[in-house]
PDB file of N, CA and C in Angstrom:
ATOM      1  N   MET A   1     -25.912  13.760 -15.167  1.00  0.00           N
ATOM      2  CA  MET A   1     -25.685  13.077 -13.909  1.00  0.00           C
ATOM      3  C   MET A   1     -24.276  12.480 -13.935  1.00  0.00           C
ATOM      4  N   HIS A   2     -23.679  12.379 -12.753  1.00  0.00           N
ATOM      5  CA  HIS A   2     -22.364  11.781 -12.582  1.00  0.00           C
ATOM      6  C   HIS A   2     -22.444  10.707 -11.507  1.00  0.00           C
ATOM      7  N   ILE A   3     -21.623   9.680 -11.658  1.00  0.00           N
ATOM      8  CA  ILE A   3     -21.536   8.612 -10.665  1.00  0.00           C
ATOM      9  C   ILE A   3     -20.075   8.397 -10.319  1.00  0.00           C
ATOM     10  N   ARG A   4     -19.797   8.316  -9.041  1.00  0.00           N
ATOM     11  CA  ARG A   4     -18.475   7.923  -8.552  1.00  0.00           C
ATOM     12  C   ARG A   4     -18.648   6.526  -7.966  1.00  0.00           C
ATOM     13  N   SER A   5     -17.839   5.608  -8.463  1.00  0.00           N
ATOM     14  CA  SER A   5     -17.960   4.215  -8.069  1.00  0.00           C
ATOM     15  C   SER A   5     -16.685   3.761  -7.380  1.00  0.00           C
ATOM     16  N   ALA A   6     -16.844   2.992  -6.313  1.00  0.00           N
ATOM     17  CA  ALA A   6     -15.706   2.362  -5.640  1.00  0.00           C
ATOM     18  C   ALA A   6     -15.851   0.859  -5.782  1.00  0.00           C
ATOM     19  N   PHE A   7     -14.787   0.211  -6.212  1.00  0.00           N
ATOM     20  CA  PHE A   7     -14.767  -1.240  -6.364  1.00  0.00           C
ATOM     21  C   PHE A   7     -13.886  -1.836  -5.278  1.00  0.00           C
ATOM     22  N   TRP A   8     -14.472  -2.686  -4.438  1.00  0.00           N
ATOM     23  CA  TRP A   8     -13.721  -3.437  -3.429  1.00  0.00           C
ATOM     24  C   TRP A   8     -13.434  -4.799  -4.045  1.00  0.00           C
ATOM     25  N   ILE A   9     -12.180  -5.021  -4.425  1.00  0.00           N
ATOM     26  CA  ILE A   9     -11.783  -6.237  -5.135  1.00  0.00           C
ATOM     27  C   ILE A   9     -10.980  -7.110  -4.184  1.00  0.00           C
ATOM     28  N   GLY A  10     -11.486  -8.299  -3.932  1.00  0.00           N
ATOM     29  CA  GLY A  10     -10.874  -9.226  -2.991  1.00  0.00           C
ATOM     30  C   GLY A  10     -11.943  -9.801  -2.091  1.00  0.00           C
ATOM     31  N   ARG A  11     -11.584 -10.033  -0.845  1.00  0.00           N
ATOM     32  CA  ARG A  11     -12.506 -10.614   0.134  1.00  0.00           C
ATOM     33  C   ARG A  11     -12.209 -10.059   1.519  1.00  0.00           C
ATOM     34  N   PRO A  12     -13.224  -9.993   2.374  1.00  0.00           N
ATOM     35  CA  PRO A  12     -12.947  -9.650   3.769  1.00  0.00           C
ATOM     36  C   PRO A  12     -12.048 -10.717   4.398  1.00  0.00           C
ATOM     37  N   LYS A  13     -11.292 -10.305   5.393  1.00  0.00           N
ATOM     38  CA  LYS A  13     -10.459 -11.250   6.133  1.00  0.00           C
ATOM     39  C   LYS A  13     -11.349 -12.287   6.799  1.00  0.00           C
ATOM     40  N   ALA A  14     -10.766 -13.434   7.148  1.00  0.00           N
ATOM     41  CA  ALA A  14     -11.514 -14.529   7.771  1.00  0.00           C
ATOM     42  C   ALA A  14     -12.309 -14.033   8.968  1.00  0.00           C
ATOM     43  N   GLY A  15     -13.587 -14.365   8.979  1.00  0.00           N
ATOM     44  CA  GLY A  15     -14.472 -13.996  10.073  1.00  0.00           C
ATOM     45  C   GLY A  15     -14.958 -12.555  10.064  1.00  0.00           C
ATOM     46  N   MET A  16     -14.575 -11.773   9.041  1.00  0.00           N
ATOM     47  CA  MET A  16     -14.920 -10.350   9.011  1.00  0.00           C
ATOM     48  C   MET A  16     -16.012 -10.002   7.999  1.00  0.00           C
ATOM     49  N   ASN A  17     -16.550 -10.984   7.283  1.00  0.00           N
ATOM     50  CA  ASN A  17     -17.513 -10.688   6.229  1.00  0.00           C
ATOM     51  C   ASN A  17     -18.734  -9.929   6.752  1.00  0.00           C
ATOM     52  N   ASP A  18     -19.340 -10.416   7.820  1.00  0.00           N
ATOM     53  CA  ASP A  18     -20.545  -9.763   8.345  1.00  0.00           C
ATOM     54  C   ASP A  18     -20.237  -8.367   8.877  1.00  0.00           C
ATOM     55  N   ALA A  19     -19.121  -8.221   9.572  1.00  0.00           N
ATOM     56  CA  ALA A  19     -18.746  -6.903  10.110  1.00  0.00           C
ATOM     57  C   ALA A  19     -18.467  -5.919   8.980  1.00  0.00           C
ATOM     58  N   PHE A  20     -17.809  -6.393   7.921  1.00  0.00           N
ATOM     59  CA  PHE A  20     -17.524  -5.535   6.767  1.00  0.00           C
ATOM     60  C   PHE A  20     -18.831  -5.060   6.125  1.00  0.00           C
ATOM     61  N   ARG A  21     -19.734  -5.987   5.888  1.00  0.00           N
ATOM     62  CA  ARG A  21     -20.999  -5.623   5.241  1.00  0.00           C
ATOM     63  C   ARG A  21     -21.824  -4.691   6.138  1.00  0.00           C
ATOM     64  N   THR A  22     -21.850  -4.955   7.418  1.00  0.00           N
ATOM     65  CA  THR A  22     -22.586  -4.093   8.343  1.00  0.00           C
ATOM     66  C   THR A  22     -22.001  -2.684   8.359  1.00  0.00           C
ATOM     67  N   LEU A  23     -20.674  -2.582   8.380  1.00  0.00           N
ATOM     68  CA  LEU A  23     -20.036  -1.263   8.357  1.00  0.00           C
ATOM     69  C   LEU A  23     -20.420  -0.507   7.092  1.00  0.00           C
ATOM     70  N   MET A  24     -20.408  -1.187   5.959  1.00  0.00           N
ATOM     71  CA  MET A  24     -20.794  -0.539   4.703  1.00  0.00           C
ATOM     72  C   MET A  24     -22.261  -0.110   4.721  1.00  0.00           C
ATOM     73  N   ASP A  25     -23.141  -1.081   4.994  1.00  0.00           N
ATOM     74  CA  ASP A  25     -24.581  -0.834   4.873  1.00  0.00           C
ATOM     75  C   ASP A  25     -25.140   0.077   5.963  1.00  0.00           C
ATOM     76  N   ASP A  26     -24.619  -0.035   7.175  1.00  0.00           N
ATOM     77  CA  ASP A  26     -25.213   0.692   8.307  1.00  0.00           C
ATOM     78  C   ASP A  26     -24.492   1.980   8.678  1.00  0.00           C
ATOM     79  N   THR A  27     -23.243   2.137   8.231  1.00  0.00           N
ATOM     80  CA  THR A  27     -22.474   3.322   8.620  1.00  0.00           C
ATOM     81  C   THR A  27     -22.001   4.127   7.419  1.00  0.00           C
ATOM     82  N   LEU A  28     -21.216   3.503   6.543  1.00  0.00           N
ATOM     83  CA  LEU A  28     -20.595   4.275   5.470  1.00  0.00           C
ATOM     84  C   LEU A  28     -21.596   4.781   4.441  1.00  0.00           C
ATOM     85  N   ILE A  29     -22.478   3.921   3.964  1.00  0.00           N
ATOM     86  CA  ILE A  29     -23.443   4.358   2.949  1.00  0.00           C
ATOM     87  C   ILE A  29     -24.384   5.442   3.491  1.00  0.00           C
ATOM     88  N   PRO A  30     -24.996   5.259   4.686  1.00  0.00           N
ATOM     89  CA  PRO A  30     -25.845   6.347   5.203  1.00  0.00           C
ATOM     90  C   PRO A  30     -25.088   7.666   5.373  1.00  0.00           C
ATOM     91  N   ALA A  31     -23.827   7.593   5.804  1.00  0.00           N
ATOM     92  CA  ALA A  31     -23.037   8.820   5.960  1.00  0.00           C
ATOM     93  C   ALA A  31     -22.796   9.484   4.611  1.00  0.00           C
ATOM     94  N   MET A  32     -22.476   8.685   3.584  1.00  0.00           N
ATOM     95  CA  MET A  32     -22.243   9.255   2.251  1.00  0.00           C
ATOM     96  C   MET A  32     -23.502   9.904   1.692  1.00  0.00           C
ATOM     97  N   CYS A  33     -24.657   9.346   2.015  1.00  0.00           N
ATOM     98  CA  CYS A  33     -25.918   9.934   1.554  1.00  0.00           C
ATOM     99  C   CYS A  33     -26.116  11.352   2.089  1.00  0.00           C
ATOM    100  N   ARG A  34     -25.476  11.661   3.203  1.00  0.00           N
ATOM    101  CA  ARG A  34     -25.620  12.983   3.812  1.00  0.00           C
ATOM    102  C   ARG A  34     -24.542  13.979   3.370  1.00  0.00           C
ATOM    103  N   PHE A  35     -23.570  13.540   2.576  1.00  0.00           N
ATOM    104  CA  PHE A  35     -22.530  14.453   2.096  1.00  0.00           C
ATOM    105  C   PHE A  35     -23.141  15.500   1.178  1.00  0.00           C
ATOM    106  N   PRO A  36     -22.617  16.722   1.211  1.00  0.00           N
ATOM    107  CA  PRO A  36     -23.128  17.748   0.294  1.00  0.00           C
ATOM    108  C   PRO A  36     -22.901  17.338  -1.159  1.00  0.00           C
ATOM    109  N   GLY A  37     -23.912  17.580  -1.968  1.00  0.00           N
ATOM    110  CA  GLY A  37     -23.826  17.285  -3.391  1.00  0.00           C
ATOM    111  C   GLY A  37     -24.254  15.881  -3.779  1.00  0.00           C
ATOM    112  N   VAL A  38     -24.410  14.981  -2.803  1.00  0.00           N
ATOM    113  CA  VAL A  38     -24.750  13.593  -3.115  1.00  0.00           C
ATOM    114  C   VAL A  38     -26.253  13.462  -3.297  1.00  0.00           C
ATOM    115  N   ARG A  39     -26.652  12.902  -4.432  1.00  0.00           N
ATOM    116  CA  ARG A  39     -28.059  12.622  -4.703  1.00  0.00           C
ATOM    117  C   ARG A  39     -28.474  11.307  -4.034  1.00  0.00           C
ATOM    118  N   HIS A  40     -27.603  10.279  -4.167  1.00  0.00           N
ATOM    119  CA  HIS A  40     -27.920   8.962  -3.620  1.00  0.00           C
ATOM    120  C   HIS A  40     -26.638   8.140  -3.543  1.00  0.00           C
ATOM    121  N   ALA A  41     -26.571   7.239  -2.584  1.00  0.00           N
ATOM    122  CA  ALA A  41     -25.454   6.293  -2.483  1.00  0.00           C
ATOM    123  C   ALA A  41     -26.019   4.922  -2.150  1.00  0.00           C
ATOM    124  N   ARG A  42     -25.350   3.887  -2.655  1.00  0.00           N
ATOM    125  CA  ARG A  42     -25.787   2.517  -2.378  1.00  0.00           C
ATOM    126  C   ARG A  42     -24.603   1.574  -2.526  1.00  0.00           C
ATOM    127  N   ALA A  43     -24.708   0.437  -1.841  1.00  0.00           N
ATOM    128  CA  ALA A  43     -23.734  -0.638  -1.979  1.00  0.00           C
ATOM    129  C   ALA A  43     -24.355  -1.747  -2.813  1.00  0.00           C
ATOM    130  N   LEU A  44     -23.587  -2.276  -3.743  1.00  0.00           N
ATOM    131  CA  LEU A  44     -24.015  -3.405  -4.563  1.00  0.00           C
ATOM    132  C   LEU A  44     -23.217  -4.637  -4.127  1.00  0.00           C
ATOM    133  N   TRP A  45     -23.931  -5.717  -3.810  1.00  0.00           N
ATOM    134  CA  TRP A  45     -23.325  -6.965  -3.352  1.00  0.00           C
ATOM    135  C   TRP A  45     -23.617  -8.045  -4.393  1.00  0.00           C
ATOM    136  N   PRO A  46     -22.615  -8.503  -5.135  1.00  0.00           N
ATOM    137  CA  PRO A  46     -22.856  -9.492  -6.194  1.00  0.00           C
ATOM    138  C   PRO A  46     -23.514 -10.766  -5.662  1.00  0.00           C
ATOM    139  N   THR A  47     -24.486 -11.261  -6.420  1.00  0.00           N
ATOM    140  CA  THR A  47     -25.155 -12.513  -6.072  1.00  0.00           C
ATOM    141  C   THR A  47     -24.873 -13.604  -7.092  1.00  0.00           C
ATOM    142  N   SER A  48     -24.435 -13.222  -8.287  1.00  0.00           N
ATOM    143  CA  SER A  48     -24.024 -14.193  -9.289  1.00  0.00           C
ATOM    144  C   SER A  48     -23.008 -13.513 -10.199  1.00  0.00           C
ATOM    145  N   ARG A  49     -22.230 -14.329 -10.887  1.00  0.00           N
ATOM    146  CA  ARG A  49     -21.188 -13.818 -11.776  1.00  0.00           C
ATOM    147  C   ARG A  49     -21.255 -14.571 -13.095  1.00  0.00           C
ATOM    148  N   GLU A  50     -20.940 -13.855 -14.162  1.00  0.00           N
ATOM    149  CA  GLU A  50     -20.968 -14.457 -15.494  1.00  0.00           C
ATOM    150  C   GLU A  50     -19.734 -13.989 -16.258  1.00  0.00           C
ATOM    151  N   ASP A  51     -19.180 -14.848 -17.059  1.00  0.00           N
ATOM    152  CA  ASP A  51     -18.063 -14.502 -17.949  1.00  0.00           C
ATOM    153  C   ASP A  51     -16.782 -14.113 -17.217  1.00  0.00           C
ATOM    154  N   ASN A  52     -16.538 -14.699 -16.037  1.00  0.00           N
ATOM    155  CA  ASN A  52     -15.270 -14.543 -15.330  1.00  0.00           C
ATOM    156  C   ASN A  52     -14.878 -13.088 -15.034  1.00  0.00           C
ATOM    157  N   PRO A  53     -15.722 -12.330 -14.329  1.00  0.00           N
ATOM    158  CA  PRO A  53     -15.398 -10.937 -14.007  1.00  0.00           C
ATOM    159  C   PRO A  53     -14.335 -10.854 -12.917  1.00  0.00           C
ATOM    160  N   PRO A  54     -13.817  -9.652 -12.644  1.00  0.00           N
ATOM    161  CA  PRO A  54     -12.896  -9.478 -11.516  1.00  0.00           C
ATOM    162  C   PRO A  54     -13.590  -9.867 -10.209  1.00  0.00           C
ATOM    163  N   ASP A  55     -12.823 -10.161  -9.202  1.00  0.00           N
ATOM    164  CA  ASP A  55     -13.350 -10.607  -7.912  1.00  0.00           C
ATOM    165  C   ASP A  55     -13.856  -9.411  -7.091  1.00  0.00           C
ATOM    166  N   ILE A  56     -14.889  -8.749  -7.599  1.00  0.00           N
ATOM    167  CA  ILE A  56     -15.473  -7.591  -6.915  1.00  0.00           C
ATOM    168  C   ILE A  56     -16.362  -8.102  -5.794  1.00  0.00           C
ATOM    169  N   HIS A  57     -16.004  -7.754  -4.572  1.00  0.00           N
ATOM    170  CA  HIS A  57     -16.805  -8.161  -3.410  1.00  0.00           C
ATOM    171  C   HIS A  57     -17.958  -7.189  -3.185  1.00  0.00           C
ATOM    172  N   CYS A  58     -17.705  -5.915  -3.446  1.00  0.00           N
ATOM    173  CA  CYS A  58     -18.708  -4.869  -3.235  1.00  0.00           C
ATOM    174  C   CYS A  58     -18.406  -3.718  -4.176  1.00  0.00           C
ATOM    175  N   GLN A  59     -19.449  -3.113  -4.700  1.00  0.00           N
ATOM    176  CA  GLN A  59     -19.306  -1.906  -5.499  1.00  0.00           C
ATOM    177  C   GLN A  59     -20.175  -0.831  -4.860  1.00  0.00           C
ATOM    178  N   ILE A  60     -19.588   0.330  -4.643  1.00  0.00           N
ATOM    179  CA  ILE A  60     -20.318   1.469  -4.087  1.00  0.00           C
ATOM    180  C   ILE A  60     -20.615   2.437  -5.229  1.00  0.00           C
ATOM    181  N   LEU A  61     -21.865   2.864  -5.334  1.00  0.00           N
ATOM    182  CA  LEU A  61     -22.260   3.864  -6.324  1.00  0.00           C
ATOM    183  C   LEU A  61     -22.735   5.110  -5.595  1.00  0.00           C
ATOM    184  N   VAL A  62     -22.163   6.252  -5.953  1.00  0.00           N
ATOM    185  CA  VAL A  62     -22.579   7.533  -5.383  1.00  0.00           C
ATOM    186  C   VAL A  62     -22.982   8.416  -6.558  1.00  0.00           C
ATOM    187  N   GLU A  63     -24.221   8.899  -6.531  1.00  0.00           N
ATOM    188  CA  GLU A  63     -24.786   9.655  -7.645  1.00  0.00           C
ATOM    189  C   GLU A  63     -24.813  11.161  -7.337  1.00  0.00           C
ATOM    190  N   PHE A  64     -24.561  11.943  -8.388  1.00  0.00           N
ATOM    191  CA  PHE A  64     -24.514  13.403  -8.289  1.00  0.00           C
ATOM    192  C   PHE A  64     -25.241  14.014  -9.474  1.00  0.00           C
ATOM    193  N   ASP A  65     -25.739  15.218  -9.295  1.00  0.00           N
ATOM    194  CA  ASP A  65     -26.371  15.919 -10.405  1.00  0.00           C
ATOM    195  C   ASP A  65     -25.346  16.486 -11.385  1.00  0.00           C
ATOM    196  N   SER A  66     -24.153  16.854 -10.889  1.00  0.00           N
ATOM    197  CA  SER A  66     -23.170  17.531 -11.745  1.00  0.00           C
ATOM    198  C   SER A  66     -21.747  17.212 -11.291  1.00  0.00           C
ATOM    199  N   ARG A  67     -20.802  17.523 -12.146  1.00  0.00           N
ATOM    200  CA  ARG A  67     -19.386  17.365 -11.780  1.00  0.00           C
ATOM    201  C   ARG A  67     -19.034  18.304 -10.629  1.00  0.00           C
ATOM    202  N   ALA A  68     -19.642  19.464 -10.581  1.00  0.00           N
ATOM    203  CA  ALA A  68     -19.402  20.401  -9.478  1.00  0.00           C
ATOM    204  C   ALA A  68     -19.818  19.772  -8.145  1.00  0.00           C
ATOM    205  N   ASP A  69     -20.894  18.992  -8.146  1.00  0.00           N
ATOM    206  CA  ASP A  69     -21.325  18.313  -6.921  1.00  0.00           C
ATOM    207  C   ASP A  69     -20.319  17.241  -6.499  1.00  0.00           C
ATOM    208  N   VAL A  70     -19.706  16.563  -7.476  1.00  0.00           N
ATOM    209  CA  VAL A  70     -18.650  15.595  -7.150  1.00  0.00           C
ATOM    210  C   VAL A  70     -17.510  16.319  -6.440  1.00  0.00           C
ATOM    211  N   GLU A  71     -17.069  17.428  -7.000  1.00  0.00           N
ATOM    212  CA  GLU A  71     -15.974  18.202  -6.405  1.00  0.00           C
ATOM    213  C   GLU A  71     -16.331  18.705  -5.006  1.00  0.00           C
ATOM    214  N   ARG A  72     -17.578  19.134  -4.842  1.00  0.00           N
ATOM    215  CA  ARG A  72     -18.026  19.609  -3.527  1.00  0.00           C
ATOM    216  C   ARG A  72     -17.958  18.481  -2.500  1.00  0.00           C
ATOM    217  N   MET A  73     -18.396  17.284  -2.886  1.00  0.00           N
ATOM    218  CA  MET A  73     -18.339  16.141  -1.973  1.00  0.00           C
ATOM    219  C   MET A  73     -16.896  15.778  -1.649  1.00  0.00           C
ATOM    220  N   LEU A  74     -16.030  15.752  -2.662  1.00  0.00           N
ATOM    221  CA  LEU A  74     -14.638  15.376  -2.432  1.00  0.00           C
ATOM    222  C   LEU A  74     -13.938  16.314  -1.455  1.00  0.00           C
ATOM    223  N   ALA A  75     -14.345  17.569  -1.428  1.00  0.00           N
ATOM    224  CA  ALA A  75     -13.703  18.563  -0.567  1.00  0.00           C
ATOM    225  C   ALA A  75     -14.386  18.765   0.782  1.00  0.00           C
ATOM    226  N   CYS A  76     -15.497  18.106   1.017  1.00  0.00           N
ATOM    227  CA  CYS A  76     -16.286  18.408   2.219  1.00  0.00           C
ATOM    228  C   CYS A  76     -15.637  17.855   3.498  1.00  0.00           C
ATOM    229  N   PRO A  77     -15.803  18.555   4.610  1.00  0.00           N
ATOM    230  CA  PRO A  77     -15.253  18.087   5.882  1.00  0.00           C
ATOM    231  C   PRO A  77     -15.910  16.795   6.370  1.00  0.00           C
ATOM    232  N   GLU A  78     -17.151  16.553   5.983  1.00  0.00           N
ATOM    233  CA  GLU A  78     -17.834  15.319   6.384  1.00  0.00           C
ATOM    234  C   GLU A  78     -17.116  14.081   5.814  1.00  0.00           C
ATOM    235  N   ARG A  79     -16.605  14.212   4.598  1.00  0.00           N
ATOM    236  CA  ARG A  79     -15.869  13.103   3.984  1.00  0.00           C
ATOM    237  C   ARG A  79     -14.575  12.849   4.755  1.00  0.00           C
ATOM    238  N   ALA A  80     -13.867  13.905   5.097  1.00  0.00           N
ATOM    239  CA  ALA A  80     -12.634  13.754   5.877  1.00  0.00           C
ATOM    240  C   ALA A  80     -12.925  13.131   7.243  1.00  0.00           C
ATOM    241  N   ALA A  81     -14.045  13.502   7.848  1.00  0.00           N
ATOM    242  CA  ALA A  81     -14.405  12.970   9.166  1.00  0.00           C
ATOM    243  C   ALA A  81     -14.750  11.479   9.104  1.00  0.00           C
ATOM    244  N   LEU A  82     -15.210  11.006   7.954  1.00  0.00           N
ATOM    245  CA  LEU A  82     -15.572   9.596   7.803  1.00  0.00           C
ATOM    246  C   LEU A  82     -14.355   8.708   7.518  1.00  0.00           C
ATOM    247  N   LYS A  83     -13.228   9.300   7.197  1.00  0.00           N
ATOM    248  CA  LYS A  83     -12.028   8.548   6.814  1.00  0.00           C
ATOM    249  C   LYS A  83     -11.637   7.462   7.821  1.00  0.00           C
ATOM    250  N   PRO A  84     -11.683   7.710   9.151  1.00  0.00           N
ATOM    251  CA  PRO A  84     -11.333   6.628  10.090  1.00  0.00           C
ATOM    252  C   PRO A  84     -12.220   5.394   9.947  1.00  0.00           C
ATOM    253  N   ARG A  85     -13.479   5.579   9.616  1.00  0.00           N
ATOM    254  CA  ARG A  85     -14.378   4.430   9.428  1.00  0.00           C
ATOM    255  C   ARG A  85     -14.036   3.688   8.138  1.00  0.00           C
ATOM    256  N   VAL A  86     -13.618   4.413   7.108  1.00  0.00           N
ATOM    257  CA  VAL A  86     -13.165   3.776   5.867  1.00  0.00           C
ATOM    258  C   VAL A  86     -11.902   2.963   6.148  1.00  0.00           C
ATOM    259  N   LEU A  87     -11.013   3.508   6.959  1.00  0.00           N
ATOM    260  CA  LEU A  87      -9.801   2.772   7.327  1.00  0.00           C
ATOM    261  C   LEU A  87     -10.136   1.494   8.092  1.00  0.00           C
ATOM    262  N   GLU A  88     -11.220   1.507   8.870  1.00  0.00           N
ATOM    263  CA  GLU A  88     -11.697   0.274   9.523  1.00  0.00           C
ATOM    264  C   GLU A  88     -12.062  -0.770   8.479  1.00  0.00           C
ATOM    265  N   ALA A  89     -12.783  -0.349   7.448  1.00  0.00           N
ATOM    266  CA  ALA A  89     -13.173  -1.280   6.385  1.00  0.00           C
ATOM    267  C   ALA A  89     -11.929  -1.827   5.688  1.00  0.00           C
ATOM    268  N   ILE A  90     -10.975  -0.978   5.411  1.00  0.00           N
ATOM    269  CA  ILE A  90      -9.738  -1.409   4.757  1.00  0.00           C
ATOM    270  C   ILE A  90      -9.017  -2.444   5.624  1.00  0.00           C
ATOM    271  N   ALA A  91      -9.007  -2.233   6.936  1.00  0.00           N
ATOM    272  CA  ALA A  91      -8.337  -3.167   7.845  1.00  0.00           C
ATOM    273  C   ALA A  91      -9.016  -4.533   7.875  1.00  0.00           C
ATOM    274  N   MET A  92     -10.296  -4.589   7.537  1.00  0.00           N
ATOM    275  CA  MET A  92     -11.041  -5.848   7.520  1.00  0.00           C
ATOM    276  C   MET A  92     -10.901  -6.603   6.207  1.00  0.00           C
ATOM    277  N   PHE A  93     -10.228  -6.010   5.224  1.00  0.00           N
ATOM    278  CA  PHE A  93     -10.314  -6.493   3.851  1.00  0.00           C
ATOM    279  C   PHE A  93      -8.970  -6.964   3.318  1.00  0.00           C
ATOM    280  N   ASN A  94      -8.982  -8.122   2.656  1.00  0.00           N
ATOM    281  CA  ASN A  94      -7.823  -8.618   1.895  1.00  0.00           C
ATOM    282  C   ASN A  94      -8.071  -8.293   0.435  1.00  0.00           C
ATOM    283  N   GLY A  95      -7.381  -7.325  -0.060  1.00  0.00           N
ATOM    284  CA  GLY A  95      -7.562  -6.893  -1.436  1.00  0.00           C
ATOM    285  C   GLY A  95      -7.350  -5.397  -1.501  1.00  0.00           C
ATOM    286  N   GLY A  96      -8.018  -4.767  -2.409  1.00  0.00           N
ATOM    287  CA  GLY A  96      -7.875  -3.331  -2.558  1.00  0.00           C
ATOM    288  C   GLY A  96      -9.158  -2.723  -3.075  1.00  0.00           C
ATOM    289  N   PHE A  97      -9.139  -1.417  -3.170  1.00  0.00           N
ATOM    290  CA  PHE A  97     -10.289  -0.744  -3.761  1.00  0.00           C
ATOM    291  C   PHE A  97      -9.800   0.411  -4.612  1.00  0.00           C
ATOM    292  N   SER A  98     -10.618   0.754  -5.585  1.00  0.00           N
ATOM    293  CA  SER A  98     -10.286   1.858  -6.478  1.00  0.00           C
ATOM    294  C   SER A  98     -11.572   2.547  -6.900  1.00  0.00           C
ATOM    295  N   HIS A  99     -11.427   3.719  -7.481  1.00  0.00           N
ATOM    296  CA  HIS A  99     -12.582   4.525  -7.867  1.00  0.00           C
ATOM    297  C   HIS A  99     -12.589   4.764  -9.377  1.00  0.00           C
ATOM    298  N   ILE A 100     -13.781   4.814  -9.919  1.00  0.00           N
ATOM    299  CA  ILE A 100     -13.991   5.252 -11.296  1.00  0.00           C
ATOM    300  C   ILE A 100     -15.153   6.231 -11.266  1.00  0.00           C
ATOM    301  N   GLU A 101     -14.975   7.362 -11.962  1.00  0.00           N
ATOM    302  CA  GLU A 101     -16.053   8.341 -12.094  1.00  0.00           C
ATOM    303  C   GLU A 101     -16.624   8.273 -13.499  1.00  0.00           C
ATOM    304  N   TYR A 102     -17.941   8.400 -13.578  1.00  0.00           N
ATOM    305  CA  TYR A 102     -18.660   8.298 -14.844  1.00  0.00           C
ATOM    306  C   TYR A 102     -19.528   9.548 -15.071  1.00  0.00           C
ATOM    307  N   GLN A 103     -19.619   9.948 -16.292  1.00  0.00           N
ATOM    308  CA  GLN A 103     -20.670  10.860 -16.699  1.00  0.00           C
ATOM    309  C   GLN A 103     -21.726   9.996 -17.351  1.00  0.00           C
ATOM    310  N   VAL A 104     -22.965  10.110 -16.886  1.00  0.00           N
ATOM    311  CA  VAL A 104     -24.052   9.266 -17.371  1.00  0.00           C
ATOM    312  C   VAL A 104     -24.597   9.859 -18.657  1.00  0.00           C
ATOM    313  N   GLY A 105     -24.657   9.027 -19.691  1.00  0.00           N
ATOM    314  CA  GLY A 105     -25.190   9.473 -20.978  1.00  0.00           C
ATOM    315  C   GLY A 105     -26.702   9.635 -20.928  1.00  0.00           C
ATOM    316  N   SER A 106     -27.216  10.425 -21.832  1.00  0.00           N
ATOM    317  CA  SER A 106     -28.654  10.604 -21.900  1.00  0.00           C
ATOM    318  C   SER A 106     -29.266   9.492 -22.748  1.00  0.00           C
ATOM    319  N   ALA A 107     -30.464   9.098 -22.376  1.00  0.00           N
ATOM    320  CA  ALA A 107     -31.116   7.983 -23.089  1.00  0.00           C
ATOM    321  C   ALA A 107     -31.894   8.499 -24.276  1.00  0.00           C
TER     322      ALA A 107
END
């Protein structure tokens, strides 16, 4: 299994917290769930912090069965079509975001 993670580090602009979360939970995550190759997608919203972690406001996890599925999702037209909505989220946010891809180890 593979996971592609997006870290939103910072905070939504003043008065934009609810709109940012709604855009993620109601639009972006459901759309990502429908991308080819995606097994599951979810948004993680921190409720507590320990040991002084980075200021992660939201973490997105997108799960895939294989690296080939990651590549298929990255190249799909549905992802390109969703880009304007991602740009909306970026416009609401003070900070930045980045991606890390993981290969999940076997237990």
